[in-house]
Amino acid sequence: MDWIFSPLMPNILYLLLVVGLWLVSIALISPGTGIYEILAGIFLLAAGAGLVIIPVNWWAVGLLLAGLICFGFALVRRQESLWLAAAGVFISTGSVFLFRLEGQVVAVYPVLAVLASASTVWFYWFALRHVLNSQLSESVLDPDRLLHQIAEARSDLDPVGTIYIQGELWTAQAAAERIAAGEKVEITGRSGLVLLVRAVDA
């Protein structure tokens, strides 16, 4: 059992904690699969076991909570740049200083701490920021925002063709009659990414 209290144990728990927090963040951004949630639970439970056998700095727990709160703000307010940067800094700092050994301020090996902290900041600042930006871009391309707008047929709709609206080309299907290229159409609905349209009276 001496290996439990060896200097290596805080480093193992540190890595489990870091990976677990990464998985929690991914699960919050892409919910529904269940895989990330299960893996996050496994890693965090393993790291949590360390709280029982190894002393911790409770102020570092506060930094971890502050990081998770900042991450929550990034998700809710969609102001990802500032909040994700703060989350990365708080979580990386809190993780490094969480576990301690007698007579040592930091129980994690310095090289490991630097590499993992840099990876955590990169993960929150670059990787997750890119995912959030992609999700925002997808909402901008939501075809529902085009309902009841007027567009121009760029090809004959007989019944399927192409229309032009707000600087974008969309596949469209005429509701009933054939619509010639150049005519104005109103978007009345959609089927997936295909817009349903009808001719607009002159």
C-alpha atoms as a PDB file:
ATOM      1  CA  MET A   1       0.000   0.000   0.000  1.00  0.00           C
ATOM      2  CA  ASP A   2       3.001   2.291   0.138  1.00  0.00           C
ATOM      3  CA  TRP A   3       2.508   3.147  -3.529  1.00  0.00           C
ATOM      4  CA  ILE A   4      -0.720   4.982  -2.641  1.00  0.00           C
ATOM      5  CA  PHE A   5       1.251   7.515  -0.638  1.00  0.00           C
ATOM      6  CA  SER A   6       4.167   7.705  -3.055  1.00  0.00           C
ATOM      7  CA  PRO A   7       5.009  11.005  -4.831  1.00  0.00           C
ATOM      8  CA  LEU A   8       3.718   9.451  -8.059  1.00  0.00           C
ATOM      9  CA  MET A   9       0.107   9.168  -6.843  1.00  0.00           C
ATOM     10  CA  PRO A  10      -0.741  12.933  -6.921  1.00  0.00           C
ATOM     11  CA  ASN A  11       0.460  13.060 -10.522  1.00  0.00           C
ATOM     12  CA  ILE A  12      -1.789  10.166 -11.527  1.00  0.00           C
ATOM     13  CA  LEU A  13      -4.760  11.742  -9.774  1.00  0.00           C
ATOM     14  CA  TYR A  14      -3.917  15.080 -11.383  1.00  0.00           C
ATOM     15  CA  LEU A  15      -4.058  13.577 -14.875  1.00  0.00           C
ATOM     16  CA  LEU A  16      -7.322  11.787 -14.094  1.00  0.00           C
ATOM     17  CA  LEU A  17      -8.811  15.071 -12.897  1.00  0.00           C
ATOM     18  CA  VAL A  18      -7.658  17.055 -15.926  1.00  0.00           C
ATOM     19  CA  VAL A  19      -8.966  14.518 -18.434  1.00  0.00           C
ATOM     20  CA  GLY A  20     -12.220  14.199 -16.473  1.00  0.00           C
ATOM     21  CA  LEU A  21     -12.796  17.953 -16.586  1.00  0.00           C
ATOM     22  CA  TRP A  22     -12.077  18.001 -20.302  1.00  0.00           C
ATOM     23  CA  LEU A  23     -14.665  15.260 -20.827  1.00  0.00           C
ATOM     24  CA  VAL A  24     -17.236  17.144 -18.729  1.00  0.00           C
ATOM     25  CA  SER A  25     -16.711  20.227 -20.891  1.00  0.00           C
ATOM     26  CA  ILE A  26     -17.114  18.236 -24.100  1.00  0.00           C
ATOM     27  CA  ALA A  27     -20.259  16.593 -22.732  1.00  0.00           C
ATOM     28  CA  LEU A  28     -21.772  20.000 -21.927  1.00  0.00           C
ATOM     29  CA  ILE A  29     -21.093  21.298 -25.436  1.00  0.00           C
ATOM     30  CA  SER A  30     -22.211  18.110 -27.230  1.00  0.00           C
ATOM     31  CA  PRO A  31     -24.826  16.514 -24.968  1.00  0.00           C
ATOM     32  CA  GLY A  32     -26.838  13.438 -25.786  1.00  0.00           C
ATOM     33  CA  THR A  33     -24.288  10.790 -26.736  1.00  0.00           C
ATOM     34  CA  GLY A  34     -23.734   9.531 -23.199  1.00  0.00           C
ATOM     35  CA  ILE A  35     -20.191   8.399 -23.976  1.00  0.00           C
ATOM     36  CA  TYR A  36     -18.491  11.551 -22.752  1.00  0.00           C
ATOM     37  CA  GLU A  37     -20.687  11.626 -19.652  1.00  0.00           C
ATOM     38  CA  ILE A  38     -19.796   8.040 -18.704  1.00  0.00           C
ATOM     39  CA  LEU A  39     -16.079   8.535 -19.305  1.00  0.00           C
ATOM     40  CA  ALA A  40     -16.117  11.809 -17.368  1.00  0.00           C
ATOM     41  CA  GLY A  41     -17.786  10.065 -14.454  1.00  0.00           C
ATOM     42  CA  ILE A  42     -15.174   7.312 -14.418  1.00  0.00           C
ATOM     43  CA  PHE A  43     -12.222   9.700 -14.508  1.00  0.00           C
ATOM     44  CA  LEU A  44     -13.677  12.091 -11.941  1.00  0.00           C
ATOM     45  CA  LEU A  45     -14.648   9.299  -9.552  1.00  0.00           C
ATOM     46  CA  ALA A  46     -11.108   7.942  -9.747  1.00  0.00           C
ATOM     47  CA  ALA A  47      -9.681  11.394  -9.111  1.00  0.00           C
ATOM     48  CA  GLY A  48     -12.214  11.989  -6.343  1.00  0.00           C
ATOM     49  CA  ALA A  49     -10.974   8.913  -4.537  1.00  0.00           C
ATOM     50  CA  GLY A  50      -7.710  10.780  -4.131  1.00  0.00           C
ATOM     51  CA  LEU A  51      -9.460  13.371  -1.982  1.00  0.00           C
ATOM     52  CA  VAL A  52      -9.819  10.685   0.679  1.00  0.00           C
ATOM     53  CA  ILE A  53      -6.251   9.400   0.726  1.00  0.00           C
ATOM     54  CA  ILE A  54      -4.185  12.469  -0.211  1.00  0.00           C
ATOM     55  CA  PRO A  55      -4.348  15.951   1.422  1.00  0.00           C
ATOM     56  CA  VAL A  56      -5.790  18.707  -0.729  1.00  0.00           C
ATOM     57  CA  ASN A  57      -5.635  22.484  -0.849  1.00  0.00           C
ATOM     58  CA  TRP A  58      -9.272  23.485  -0.513  1.00  0.00           C
ATOM     59  CA  TRP A  59      -8.622  26.919  -1.964  1.00  0.00           C
ATOM     60  CA  ALA A  60      -7.665  25.094  -5.173  1.00  0.00           C
ATOM     61  CA  VAL A  61     -11.135  23.526  -5.172  1.00  0.00           C
ATOM     62  CA  GLY A  62     -12.457  27.089  -5.254  1.00  0.00           C
ATOM     63  CA  LEU A  63     -10.371  27.787  -8.359  1.00  0.00           C
ATOM     64  CA  LEU A  64     -11.795  24.695 -10.043  1.00  0.00           C
ATOM     65  CA  LEU A  65     -15.336  25.808  -9.243  1.00  0.00           C
ATOM     66  CA  ALA A  66     -14.560  29.293 -10.548  1.00  0.00           C
ATOM     67  CA  GLY A  67     -13.303  27.717 -13.780  1.00  0.00           C
ATOM     68  CA  LEU A  68     -16.482  25.675 -14.197  1.00  0.00           C
ATOM     69  CA  ILE A  69     -18.601  28.775 -13.542  1.00  0.00           C
ATOM     70  CA  CYS A  70     -16.686  30.691 -16.222  1.00  0.00           C
ATOM     71  CA  PHE A  71     -17.228  27.796 -18.609  1.00  0.00           C
ATOM     72  CA  GLY A  72     -20.936  27.891 -17.814  1.00  0.00           C
ATOM     73  CA  PHE A  73     -21.043  31.599 -18.660  1.00  0.00           C
ATOM     74  CA  ALA A  74     -19.360  30.831 -21.985  1.00  0.00           C
ATOM     75  CA  LEU A  75     -22.115  28.344 -22.803  1.00  0.00           C
ATOM     76  CA  VAL A  76     -25.036  30.485 -21.639  1.00  0.00           C
ATOM     77  CA  ARG A  77     -23.971  33.937 -22.789  1.00  0.00           C
ATOM     78  CA  ARG A  78     -22.066  32.772 -25.889  1.00  0.00           C
ATOM     79  CA  GLN A  79     -19.320  35.307 -25.143  1.00  0.00           C
ATOM     80  CA  GLU A  80     -16.810  32.522 -25.441  1.00  0.00           C
ATOM     81  CA  SER A  81     -13.505  34.369 -25.786  1.00  0.00           C
ATOM     82  CA  LEU A  82     -13.187  35.920 -22.323  1.00  0.00           C
ATOM     83  CA  TRP A  83     -15.003  33.228 -20.374  1.00  0.00           C
ATOM     84  CA  LEU A  84     -13.204  30.288 -22.004  1.00  0.00           C
ATOM     85  CA  ALA A  85      -9.821  31.898 -21.387  1.00  0.00           C
ATOM     86  CA  ALA A  86     -10.729  32.438 -17.724  1.00  0.00           C
ATOM     87  CA  ALA A  87     -12.017  28.859 -17.451  1.00  0.00           C
ATOM     88  CA  GLY A  88      -8.756  27.487 -18.836  1.00  0.00           C
ATOM     89  CA  VAL A  89      -6.642  29.524 -16.407  1.00  0.00           C
ATOM     90  CA  PHE A  90      -8.731  28.748 -13.313  1.00  0.00           C
ATOM     91  CA  ILE A  91      -9.065  25.041 -14.069  1.00  0.00           C
ATOM     92  CA  SER A  92      -5.410  24.548 -14.934  1.00  0.00           C
ATOM     93  CA  THR A  93      -4.242  26.434 -11.817  1.00  0.00           C
ATOM     94  CA  GLY A  94      -6.697  24.706  -9.497  1.00  0.00           C
ATOM     95  CA  SER A  95      -5.764  21.291 -10.858  1.00  0.00           C
ATOM     96  CA  VAL A  96      -2.039  21.811 -10.339  1.00  0.00           C
ATOM     97  CA  PHE A  97      -2.394  22.946  -6.725  1.00  0.00           C
ATOM     98  CA  LEU A  98      -5.264  20.643  -5.721  1.00  0.00           C
ATOM     99  CA  PHE A  99      -3.226  17.753  -4.296  1.00  0.00           C
ATOM    100  CA  ARG A 100      -0.382  18.337  -1.870  1.00  0.00           C
ATOM    101  CA  LEU A 101       2.228  16.332  -0.003  1.00  0.00           C
ATOM    102  CA  GLU A 102       3.742  17.079   3.353  1.00  0.00           C
ATOM    103  CA  GLY A 103       6.469  19.697   3.046  1.00  0.00           C
ATOM    104  CA  GLN A 104       5.649  20.493  -0.601  1.00  0.00           C
ATOM    105  CA  VAL A 105       3.627  23.346  -2.046  1.00  0.00           C
ATOM    106  CA  VAL A 106       2.975  21.506  -5.310  1.00  0.00           C
ATOM    107  CA  ALA A 107       2.718  17.731  -5.428  1.00  0.00           C
ATOM    108  CA  VAL A 108       2.605  17.565  -9.238  1.00  0.00           C
ATOM    109  CA  TYR A 109       5.848  17.247 -11.166  1.00  0.00           C
ATOM    110  CA  PRO A 110       6.684  20.693 -12.649  1.00  0.00           C
ATOM    111  CA  VAL A 111       7.138  19.450 -16.221  1.00  0.00           C
ATOM    112  CA  LEU A 112       3.845  17.570 -16.094  1.00  0.00           C
ATOM    113  CA  ALA A 113       2.110  20.604 -14.593  1.00  0.00           C
ATOM    114  CA  VAL A 114       3.395  22.910 -17.322  1.00  0.00           C
ATOM    115  CA  LEU A 115       2.475  20.546 -20.161  1.00  0.00           C
ATOM    116  CA  ALA A 116      -0.974  19.727 -18.805  1.00  0.00           C
ATOM    117  CA  SER A 117      -1.717  23.369 -17.955  1.00  0.00           C
ATOM    118  CA  ALA A 118      -0.703  24.527 -21.415  1.00  0.00           C
ATOM    119  CA  SER A 119      -2.853  21.768 -22.926  1.00  0.00           C
ATOM    120  CA  THR A 120      -5.812  22.793 -20.756  1.00  0.00           C
ATOM    121  CA  VAL A 121      -5.572  26.446 -21.741  1.00  0.00           C
ATOM    122  CA  TRP A 122      -5.265  25.417 -25.392  1.00  0.00           C
ATOM    123  CA  PHE A 123      -8.208  23.055 -25.019  1.00  0.00           C
ATOM    124  CA  TYR A 124     -10.531  25.735 -23.647  1.00  0.00           C
ATOM    125  CA  TRP A 125      -9.233  28.703 -25.631  1.00  0.00           C
ATOM    126  CA  PHE A 126      -8.814  27.123 -29.072  1.00  0.00           C
ATOM    127  CA  ALA A 127     -10.594  23.774 -29.329  1.00  0.00           C
ATOM    128  CA  LEU A 128     -13.792  24.543 -27.412  1.00  0.00           C
ATOM    129  CA  ARG A 129     -13.932  28.097 -28.760  1.00  0.00           C
ATOM    130  CA  HIS A 130     -13.867  26.682 -32.285  1.00  0.00           C
ATOM    131  CA  VAL A 131     -16.725  24.302 -31.428  1.00  0.00           C
ATOM    132  CA  LEU A 132     -18.827  27.123 -29.953  1.00  0.00           C
ATOM    133  CA  ASN A 133     -18.183  29.315 -32.987  1.00  0.00           C
ATOM    134  CA  SER A 134     -19.251  26.456 -35.249  1.00  0.00           C
ATOM    135  CA  GLN A 135     -22.475  26.031 -33.306  1.00  0.00           C
ATOM    136  CA  LEU A 136     -23.192  29.739 -33.612  1.00  0.00           C
ATOM    137  CA  SER A 137     -22.531  29.557 -37.370  1.00  0.00           C
ATOM    138  CA  GLU A 138     -24.977  26.676 -37.687  1.00  0.00           C
ATOM    139  CA  SER A 139     -27.677  28.761 -35.991  1.00  0.00           C
ATOM    140  CA  VAL A 140     -27.078  31.567 -38.506  1.00  0.00           C
ATOM    141  CA  LEU A 141     -27.668  29.101 -41.360  1.00  0.00           C
ATOM    142  CA  ASP A 142     -30.939  27.890 -39.837  1.00  0.00           C
ATOM    143  CA  PRO A 143     -33.419  27.708 -42.738  1.00  0.00           C
ATOM    144  CA  ASP A 144     -36.311  28.564 -40.418  1.00  0.00           C
ATOM    145  CA  ARG A 145     -35.132  32.175 -40.419  1.00  0.00           C
ATOM    146  CA  LEU A 146     -36.063  32.340 -44.123  1.00  0.00           C
ATOM    147  CA  LEU A 147     -39.730  31.469 -43.681  1.00  0.00           C
ATOM    148  CA  HIS A 148     -42.138  33.918 -45.364  1.00  0.00           C
ATOM    149  CA  GLN A 149     -39.251  35.748 -47.081  1.00  0.00           C
ATOM    150  CA  ILE A 150     -39.247  36.588 -50.780  1.00  0.00           C
ATOM    151  CA  ALA A 151     -36.570  34.962 -52.962  1.00  0.00           C
ATOM    152  CA  GLU A 152     -35.715  34.696 -56.655  1.00  0.00           C
ATOM    153  CA  ALA A 153     -35.743  31.463 -58.621  1.00  0.00           C
ATOM    154  CA  ARG A 154     -32.341  30.953 -60.200  1.00  0.00           C
ATOM    155  CA  SER A 155     -33.414  27.853 -62.101  1.00  0.00           C
ATOM    156  CA  ASP A 156     -36.736  26.386 -63.149  1.00  0.00           C
ATOM    157  CA  LEU A 157     -38.556  24.797 -60.213  1.00  0.00           C
ATOM    158  CA  ASP A 158     -40.163  21.757 -61.806  1.00  0.00           C
ATOM    159  CA  PRO A 159     -40.755  21.028 -59.035  1.00  0.00           C
ATOM    160  CA  VAL A 160     -37.198  21.183 -57.574  1.00  0.00           C
ATOM    161  CA  GLY A 161     -34.639  23.853 -58.405  1.00  0.00           C
ATOM    162  CA  THR A 162     -32.495  26.600 -56.934  1.00  0.00           C
ATOM    163  CA  ILE A 163     -33.463  29.923 -55.380  1.00  0.00           C
ATOM    164  CA  TYR A 164     -31.380  32.904 -54.268  1.00  0.00           C
ATOM    165  CA  ILE A 165     -31.998  34.722 -50.990  1.00  0.00           C
ATOM    166  CA  GLN A 166     -29.873  36.881 -48.687  1.00  0.00           C
ATOM    167  CA  GLY A 167     -26.708  36.114 -50.630  1.00  0.00           C
ATOM    168  CA  GLU A 168     -27.202  32.337 -50.486  1.00  0.00           C
ATOM    169  CA  LEU A 169     -28.331  29.643 -52.913  1.00  0.00           C
ATOM    170  CA  TRP A 170     -30.839  27.133 -51.551  1.00  0.00           C
ATOM    171  CA  THR A 171     -32.502  24.062 -52.974  1.00  0.00           C
ATOM    172  CA  ALA A 172     -36.237  24.672 -53.230  1.00  0.00           C
ATOM    173  CA  GLN A 173     -39.348  22.778 -54.206  1.00  0.00           C
ATOM    174  CA  ALA A 174     -42.416  24.370 -55.757  1.00  0.00           C
ATOM    175  CA  ALA A 175     -45.628  23.670 -53.889  1.00  0.00           C
ATOM    176  CA  ALA A 176     -47.754  23.089 -56.955  1.00  0.00           C
ATOM    177  CA  GLU A 177     -47.194  24.799 -60.288  1.00  0.00           C
ATOM    178  CA  ARG A 178     -43.930  25.023 -62.225  1.00  0.00           C
ATOM    179  CA  ILE A 179     -41.989  28.210 -61.500  1.00  0.00           C
ATOM    180  CA  ALA A 180     -39.692  29.654 -64.144  1.00  0.00           C
ATOM    181  CA  ALA A 181     -36.213  30.992 -63.457  1.00  0.00           C
ATOM    182  CA  GLY A 182     -36.235  34.685 -62.562  1.00  0.00           C
ATOM    183  CA  GLU A 183     -39.657  34.648 -60.909  1.00  0.00           C
ATOM    184  CA  LYS A 184     -40.203  35.739 -57.321  1.00  0.00           C
ATOM    185  CA  VAL A 185     -41.208  33.101 -54.786  1.00  0.00           C
ATOM    186  CA  GLU A 186     -42.273  33.094 -51.158  1.00  0.00           C
ATOM    187  CA  ILE A 187     -40.793  30.541 -48.775  1.00  0.00           C
ATOM    188  CA  THR A 188     -43.681  28.803 -47.037  1.00  0.00           C
ATOM    189  CA  GLY A 189     -41.921  25.962 -45.204  1.00  0.00           C
ATOM    190  CA  ARG A 190     -39.127  23.460 -45.425  1.00  0.00           C
ATOM    191  CA  SER A 191     -38.471  19.752 -45.609  1.00  0.00           C
ATOM    192  CA  GLY A 192     -35.075  19.223 -44.040  1.00  0.00           C
ATOM    193  CA  LEU A 193     -32.787  21.644 -45.869  1.00  0.00           C
ATOM    194  CA  VAL A 194     -35.107  21.891 -48.900  1.00  0.00           C
ATOM    195  CA  LEU A 195     -37.226  25.056 -48.855  1.00  0.00           C
ATOM    196  CA  LEU A 196     -40.867  24.848 -49.895  1.00  0.00           C
ATOM    197  CA  VAL A 197     -41.948  27.803 -52.010  1.00  0.00           C
ATOM    198  CA  ARG A 198     -44.880  29.191 -53.952  1.00  0.00           C
ATOM    199  CA  ALA A 199     -44.997  31.710 -56.739  1.00  0.00           C
ATOM    200  CA  VAL A 200     -45.603  35.330 -55.765  1.00  0.00           C
ATOM    201  CA  ASP A 201     -48.187  37.208 -57.789  1.00  0.00           C
ATOM    202  CA  ALA A 202     -46.762  40.153 -59.694  1.00  0.00           C
END
